[in-house]
Amino acid sequence: MTKTSLRRGAATAFLLASILFAFGSPSLGQDTDEDEFEGLVAGPGQEEVLIYCSACHSTRIVQQQGLSRDEWAETLEWMEEDQGMSEIEEPDLTLILDYLAKNYNIDRPNFPAN
């Protein structure tokens, strides 16, 4: 092999690696929405659910539930009364209940795949 063919081969390998890196991974220093919000479905209330719920347990527990709005309200009340969770004040409480009732309800529209 000549020096020229080695250089071409190295340049081609570098170019292919650069293309794969650029299109095959998230930008450096940036999290994907799923990573940033631990798999919670995007929408109003997502951030509040992450803040309040992940303070004590994984968001995976939230994602695996299939509760009605009333059942979510009862669950949050139980967490406050029996588990020592701080009371969630308005407007966060309504935002959280709306989010949970829409995304993690009895129909389980966003049940985690794995």
Protein backbone atom coordinates (compact mmCIF):
# COMPACT_ATOMS: atom_id res chain seq x y z
CA MET A 1 0.00 0.00 0.00
CA THR A 2 1.21 3.45 -0.83
CA LYS A 3 1.19 6.46 1.46
CA THR A 4 -1.49 8.08 -0.71
CA SER A 5 -3.86 5.14 -0.42
CA LEU A 6 -3.30 4.98 3.34
CA ARG A 7 -4.14 8.68 3.66
CA ARG A 8 -7.26 8.25 1.54
CA GLY A 9 -8.33 5.28 3.65
CA ALA A 10 -7.76 7.19 6.88
CA ALA A 11 -9.60 10.24 5.53
CA THR A 12 -12.53 8.09 4.42
CA ALA A 13 -12.69 6.35 7.80
CA PHE A 14 -12.57 9.71 9.59
CA LEU A 15 -15.34 11.10 7.37
CA LEU A 16 -17.58 8.06 7.95
CA ALA A 17 -17.00 8.17 11.70
CA SER A 18 -17.82 11.89 11.74
CA ILE A 19 -21.06 11.33 9.81
CA LEU A 20 -22.13 8.49 12.10
CA PHE A 21 -21.36 10.55 15.18
CA ALA A 22 -23.18 13.63 13.89
CA PHE A 23 -26.36 11.83 12.88
CA GLY A 24 -26.35 8.94 15.31
CA SER A 25 -26.17 10.68 18.67
CA PRO A 26 -27.64 13.66 20.49
CA SER A 27 -25.68 16.89 20.46
CA LEU A 28 -22.88 17.06 22.98
CA GLY A 29 -23.89 18.65 26.25
CA GLN A 30 -27.61 18.36 25.52
CA ASP A 31 -30.04 15.86 27.00
CA THR A 32 -32.94 14.57 25.01
CA ASP A 33 -36.36 15.50 26.39
CA GLU A 34 -36.90 11.90 27.44
CA ASP A 35 -33.65 11.83 29.42
CA GLU A 36 -34.24 15.24 30.95
CA PHE A 37 -37.74 14.30 32.09
CA GLU A 38 -36.96 10.66 32.87
CA GLY A 39 -39.36 9.31 30.25
CA LEU A 40 -42.39 11.38 31.26
CA VAL A 41 -44.67 12.33 28.38
CA ALA A 42 -44.26 15.93 27.22
CA GLY A 43 -46.99 18.39 28.11
CA PRO A 44 -48.23 20.89 30.68
CA GLY A 45 -47.47 19.52 34.14
CA GLN A 46 -44.54 17.35 33.06
CA GLU A 47 -41.95 19.44 34.91
CA GLU A 48 -44.06 19.66 38.07
CA VAL A 49 -44.59 15.89 38.11
CA LEU A 50 -40.84 15.39 37.72
CA ILE A 51 -40.06 17.82 40.57
CA TYR A 52 -42.62 16.56 43.07
CA CYS A 53 -42.62 12.83 42.28
CA SER A 54 -38.94 12.16 41.67
CA ALA A 55 -38.09 13.76 45.02
CA CYS A 56 -39.10 10.45 46.63
CA HIS A 57 -39.21 7.79 43.93
CA SER A 58 -38.52 7.01 40.29
CA THR A 59 -40.79 8.48 37.64
CA ARG A 60 -41.10 4.92 36.36
CA ILE A 61 -43.54 4.26 39.21
CA VAL A 62 -45.72 7.10 37.90
CA GLN A 63 -45.51 5.81 34.34
CA GLN A 64 -46.61 2.33 35.33
CA GLN A 65 -49.81 3.43 37.04
CA GLY A 66 -53.21 3.51 35.45
CA LEU A 67 -55.33 5.67 37.71
CA SER A 68 -58.33 7.92 37.27
CA ARG A 69 -58.06 11.58 38.28
CA ASP A 70 -59.84 10.80 41.58
CA GLU A 71 -57.48 7.90 42.26
CA TRP A 72 -54.47 10.12 41.54
CA ALA A 73 -55.86 12.70 43.99
CA GLU A 74 -56.34 9.98 46.63
CA THR A 75 -52.82 8.69 46.01
CA LEU A 76 -51.31 12.15 46.47
CA GLU A 77 -53.37 12.62 49.64
CA TRP A 78 -52.13 9.26 50.96
CA MET A 79 -48.54 10.27 50.19
CA GLU A 80 -49.02 13.49 52.17
CA GLU A 81 -50.78 11.89 55.14
CA ASP A 82 -48.93 8.58 55.45
CA GLN A 83 -45.66 9.00 53.59
CA GLY A 84 -44.59 12.48 54.67
CA MET A 85 -44.79 14.17 51.31
CA SER A 86 -45.14 17.95 51.48
CA GLU A 87 -48.53 19.33 50.48
CA ILE A 88 -48.71 20.36 46.84
CA GLU A 89 -50.15 23.87 46.63
CA GLU A 90 -52.25 25.33 43.83
CA PRO A 91 -51.84 25.86 40.94
CA ASP A 92 -49.34 22.98 40.90
CA LEU A 93 -51.83 20.46 42.31
CA THR A 94 -54.37 21.02 39.53
CA LEU A 95 -51.61 21.04 36.89
CA ILE A 96 -50.23 17.74 38.20
CA LEU A 97 -53.64 16.07 38.46
CA ASP A 98 -54.55 17.22 34.94
CA TYR A 99 -51.27 15.87 33.59
CA LEU A 100 -51.55 12.53 35.38
CA ALA A 101 -55.22 12.06 34.46
CA LYS A 102 -54.46 12.73 30.81
CA ASN A 103 -51.23 10.77 30.40
CA TYR A 104 -51.31 8.03 33.06
CA ASN A 105 -54.98 7.19 33.36
CA ILE A 106 -56.88 3.91 33.49
CA ASP A 107 -56.43 3.40 29.74
CA ARG A 108 -52.62 3.60 30.23
CA PRO A 109 -51.98 5.49 26.99
CA ASN A 110 -48.30 5.99 27.83
CA PHE A 111 -47.42 2.76 29.61
CA PRO A 112 -43.63 2.34 29.34
CA ALA A 113 -42.47 -0.16 26.73
CA ASN A 114 -39.55 -1.48 28.76
